[in-house]
Structures are given as structure tokens and as C-alpha cells.
Protein backbone atom coordinates (compact mmCIF):
# COMPACT_ATOMS: atom_id res chain seq x y z
CA UNK A 1 75.16 108.50 142.22
CA UNK A 2 76.49 104.87 142.06
CA UNK A 3 78.90 103.77 144.82
CA UNK A 4 81.97 102.07 144.07
CA UNK A 5 80.50 97.95 145.05
CA UNK A 6 77.36 98.66 142.62
CA UNK A 7 80.05 99.74 140.07
CA UNK A 8 81.49 96.99 140.78
CA UNK A 9 79.34 94.71 140.08
CA UNK A 10 77.59 96.36 137.60
CA UNK A 11 80.68 95.75 136.54
CA UNK A 12 79.66 91.44 137.07
CA UNK A 13 76.35 91.46 135.37
CA UNK A 14 78.03 92.96 132.09
CA UNK A 15 80.92 90.31 132.38
CA UNK A 16 77.92 88.00 131.24
CA UNK A 17 78.08 88.62 128.29
CA UNK A 18 74.43 86.48 126.77
CA UNK A 19 71.27 87.78 127.83
CA UNK A 20 70.20 85.73 131.14
CA UNK A 21 67.73 85.02 129.89
CA UNK A 22 68.00 84.33 126.61
CA UNK A 23 71.19 83.33 125.37
CA UNK A 24 71.24 86.07 122.50
CA UNK A 25 73.95 88.18 122.67
CA UNK A 26 73.03 90.75 125.36
CA UNK A 27 74.31 94.14 125.25
CA UNK A 28 72.09 96.00 129.03
CA UNK A 29 72.43 96.23 131.92
CA UNK A 30 68.95 96.36 133.45
CA UNK A 31 67.17 97.66 136.33
CA UNK A 32 63.80 96.63 138.42
CA UNK A 33 61.96 99.56 137.42
CA UNK A 34 59.53 99.01 140.23
CA UNK A 35 58.69 99.39 143.79
CA UNK A 36 60.78 102.96 143.60
CA UNK A 37 59.82 106.64 142.36
CA UNK A 38 59.90 108.33 139.26
CA UNK A 39 63.16 108.77 137.60
CA UNK A 40 63.92 106.25 140.99
CA UNK A 41 66.60 103.58 140.07
CA UNK A 42 66.00 100.61 142.90
CA UNK A 43 69.13 98.83 144.38
CA UNK A 44 72.09 97.81 142.65
CA UNK A 45 72.24 93.79 142.83
CA UNK A 46 68.28 94.11 141.31
CA UNK A 47 69.51 93.83 138.04
CA UNK A 48 69.70 91.26 135.66
CA UNK A 49 72.34 91.07 132.18
CA UNK A 50 69.75 91.51 128.68
CA UNK A 51 69.11 91.56 125.11
CA UNK A 52 67.54 94.71 124.29
CA UNK A 53 64.74 92.17 122.80
CA UNK A 54 64.29 90.83 125.81
CA UNK A 55 64.37 94.42 127.46
CA UNK A 56 62.52 95.99 125.54
CA UNK A 57 59.44 93.54 125.78
CA UNK A 58 60.06 93.50 129.94
CA UNK A 59 60.41 97.15 128.96
CA UNK A 60 57.11 98.13 126.79
CA UNK A 61 55.86 94.84 125.12
CA UNK A 62 52.22 94.46 124.41
CA UNK A 63 52.11 90.92 124.19
CA UNK A 64 52.57 90.58 127.78
CA UNK A 65 50.82 92.23 131.54
CA UNK A 66 52.34 94.74 133.33
CA UNK A 67 53.21 91.24 135.97
CA UNK A 68 54.64 89.73 133.77
CA UNK A 69 56.51 91.60 132.36
CA UNK A 70 56.55 91.81 135.98
CA UNK A 71 58.34 88.49 136.74
CA UNK A 72 59.37 88.30 133.75
CA UNK A 73 62.25 90.29 134.75
CA UNK A 74 62.30 88.97 138.67
CA UNK A 75 62.97 85.38 136.60
CA UNK A 76 65.72 87.35 134.80
CA UNK A 77 67.42 89.16 137.96
CA UNK A 78 68.36 85.59 139.84
CA UNK A 79 69.39 83.94 136.12
CA UNK A 80 71.39 86.64 137.03
CA UNK A 81 72.27 85.96 140.13
CA UNK A 82 72.09 82.41 139.19
CA UNK A 83 75.34 82.67 136.29
CA UNK A 84 77.19 84.80 139.35
CA UNK A 85 77.18 82.68 142.50
């Protein structure tokens, strides 16, 4: 369940409109998908705004190792924070 603060954060992230990695038109708020149990989401602030292609590459891309995918999402989260600040 999201709190009101979480919902405001998600709305702010979604307002960016372009992917925090490649700059293409974005459409997805992506959660950091590690550090929690199966089916659990991380804190709202651990999200990035991504296009469909970058989100798919991070979640299940075959060209990157798991560690590379995690590092890429971490970079996207930092880029998202920088853009919001």
C-alpha cells in the first residue's frame, strides 16, 4: 500500500516524461527490484523513470549481467533524483 507521500513521489517521477537513461519518451516508473523479498517493492524513492526498452533491458535483458543491470538501474535512480532536484 502506498502512502500519500509515495503517491506524490511517483507523480513527480512520472512528470519527467523522458527516460532517465537514454532520453527517449518514457512511460514507466521502475522500482529497484532487489534488496526486498519476492513480490515486495522497495521504497518509493528507489524508483526511476524509464522508457519501455530500458526497463525491459534492466529487468530481463540478455546482453548484461545481473550486476550490470543493477548498476544501470542505480544510475537511472540517481539520474532521476538529479532531474527532480
